[in-house]
């Protein structure tokens, strides 16, 4: 997944010239959070009871990465 994330972010920032990329993930998904933070994503917000899955409400964490954070 590290290699895939590296390719996606390089394309987003270097080819598409995006200023910002966002990620929305389950706060209980520790491996996903660790991968995103490894690439410079910062936690920007918690959305409580955002998704209804199989009759149960789940929270969501929003993370963001700016081009300048990715390149540093």
C-alpha atoms as a PDB file:
ATOM      1  CA  UNK A   1       0.000   0.000   0.000  1.00  0.00           C
ATOM      2  CA  UNK A   2       2.946   2.311   0.640  1.00  0.00           C
ATOM      3  CA  UNK A   3       4.020   2.069  -3.000  1.00  0.00           C
ATOM      4  CA  UNK A   4       0.487   2.719  -4.248  1.00  0.00           C
ATOM      5  CA  UNK A   5       0.084   5.760  -1.979  1.00  0.00           C
ATOM      6  CA  UNK A   6       3.413   7.132  -3.149  1.00  0.00           C
ATOM      7  CA  UNK A   7       2.347   6.836  -6.802  1.00  0.00           C
ATOM      8  CA  UNK A   8      -1.081   8.381  -6.219  1.00  0.00           C
ATOM      9  CA  UNK A   9       0.304  11.368  -4.305  1.00  0.00           C
ATOM     10  CA  UNK A  10       3.122  11.941  -6.784  1.00  0.00           C
ATOM     11  CA  UNK A  11       0.559  12.005  -9.594  1.00  0.00           C
ATOM     12  CA  UNK A  12      -1.814  14.270  -7.637  1.00  0.00           C
ATOM     13  CA  UNK A  13       0.807  16.829  -6.668  1.00  0.00           C
ATOM     14  CA  UNK A  14       3.368  16.616  -9.482  1.00  0.00           C
ATOM     15  CA  UNK A  15       1.213  15.909 -12.539  1.00  0.00           C
ATOM     16  CA  UNK A  16      -2.198  17.340 -11.636  1.00  0.00           C
ATOM     17  CA  UNK A  17      -0.632  20.181  -9.621  1.00  0.00           C
ATOM     18  CA  UNK A  18      -3.200  19.779  -6.841  1.00  0.00           C
ATOM     19  CA  UNK A  19      -2.702  21.909  -3.759  1.00  0.00           C
ATOM     20  CA  UNK A  20      -4.516  19.544  -1.396  1.00  0.00           C
ATOM     21  CA  UNK A  21      -5.564  15.894  -1.106  1.00  0.00           C
ATOM     22  CA  UNK A  22      -8.092  14.695   1.480  1.00  0.00           C
ATOM     23  CA  UNK A  23      -8.709  11.311   3.054  1.00  0.00           C
ATOM     24  CA  UNK A  24     -11.724  10.083   4.993  1.00  0.00           C
ATOM     25  CA  UNK A  25     -11.242   6.925   7.063  1.00  0.00           C
ATOM     26  CA  UNK A  26     -12.568   4.951   9.996  1.00  0.00           C
ATOM     27  CA  UNK A  27     -10.850   6.105  13.216  1.00  0.00           C
ATOM     28  CA  UNK A  28     -10.544   2.448  14.255  1.00  0.00           C
ATOM     29  CA  UNK A  29      -8.510   1.607  11.135  1.00  0.00           C
ATOM     30  CA  UNK A  30      -5.092   2.136  12.711  1.00  0.00           C
ATOM     31  CA  UNK A  31      -3.044   0.852   9.720  1.00  0.00           C
ATOM     32  CA  UNK A  32      -4.770   3.313   7.354  1.00  0.00           C
ATOM     33  CA  UNK A  33      -4.237   6.223   9.735  1.00  0.00           C
ATOM     34  CA  UNK A  34      -0.570   5.300  10.153  1.00  0.00           C
ATOM     35  CA  UNK A  35      -0.051   5.141   6.374  1.00  0.00           C
ATOM     36  CA  UNK A  36      -1.743   8.488   5.780  1.00  0.00           C
ATOM     37  CA  UNK A  37       0.242  10.185   8.543  1.00  0.00           C
ATOM     38  CA  UNK A  38       3.464   8.675   7.172  1.00  0.00           C
ATOM     39  CA  UNK A  39       2.798  10.617   3.953  1.00  0.00           C
ATOM     40  CA  UNK A  40       2.172  13.926   5.681  1.00  0.00           C
ATOM     41  CA  UNK A  41      -1.577  13.819   6.200  1.00  0.00           C
ATOM     42  CA  UNK A  42      -2.791  15.646   9.300  1.00  0.00           C
ATOM     43  CA  UNK A  43      -5.997  14.916  11.186  1.00  0.00           C
ATOM     44  CA  UNK A  44      -8.375  17.808  10.645  1.00  0.00           C
ATOM     45  CA  UNK A  45     -11.680  16.625  12.029  1.00  0.00           C
ATOM     46  CA  UNK A  46     -13.876  13.914  13.453  1.00  0.00           C
ATOM     47  CA  UNK A  47     -17.336  13.365  12.037  1.00  0.00           C
ATOM     48  CA  UNK A  48     -19.469  11.604  14.614  1.00  0.00           C
ATOM     49  CA  UNK A  49     -22.087   9.089  13.476  1.00  0.00           C
ATOM     50  CA  UNK A  50     -21.314   9.792   9.831  1.00  0.00           C
ATOM     51  CA  UNK A  51     -21.910   6.414   8.190  1.00  0.00           C
ATOM     52  CA  UNK A  52     -24.692   3.916   8.813  1.00  0.00           C
ATOM     53  CA  UNK A  53     -23.322   0.433   8.132  1.00  0.00           C
ATOM     54  CA  UNK A  54     -25.414  -2.671   8.795  1.00  0.00           C
ATOM     55  CA  UNK A  55     -27.662  -0.740  11.171  1.00  0.00           C
ATOM     56  CA  UNK A  56     -24.809   0.732  13.241  1.00  0.00           C
ATOM     57  CA  UNK A  57     -23.497   4.317  13.122  1.00  0.00           C
ATOM     58  CA  UNK A  58     -19.758   4.830  12.631  1.00  0.00           C
ATOM     59  CA  UNK A  59     -17.472   7.827  13.054  1.00  0.00           C
ATOM     60  CA  UNK A  60     -15.133   9.116  10.372  1.00  0.00           C
ATOM     61  CA  UNK A  61     -11.796  10.949  10.548  1.00  0.00           C
ATOM     62  CA  UNK A  62     -10.938  13.579   7.934  1.00  0.00           C
ATOM     63  CA  UNK A  63      -7.267  14.075   7.106  1.00  0.00           C
ATOM     64  CA  UNK A  64      -5.621  16.494   4.707  1.00  0.00           C
ATOM     65  CA  UNK A  65      -2.261  16.757   3.007  1.00  0.00           C
ATOM     66  CA  UNK A  66      -0.999  19.906   1.321  1.00  0.00           C
ATOM     67  CA  UNK A  67       1.512  19.725  -1.502  1.00  0.00           C
ATOM     68  CA  UNK A  68       4.098  21.533   0.627  1.00  0.00           C
ATOM     69  CA  UNK A  69       3.666  18.943   3.429  1.00  0.00           C
ATOM     70  CA  UNK A  70       4.072  16.051   1.000  1.00  0.00           C
ATOM     71  CA  UNK A  71       7.255  17.455  -0.512  1.00  0.00           C
ATOM     72  CA  UNK A  72       8.941  18.161   2.826  1.00  0.00           C
END
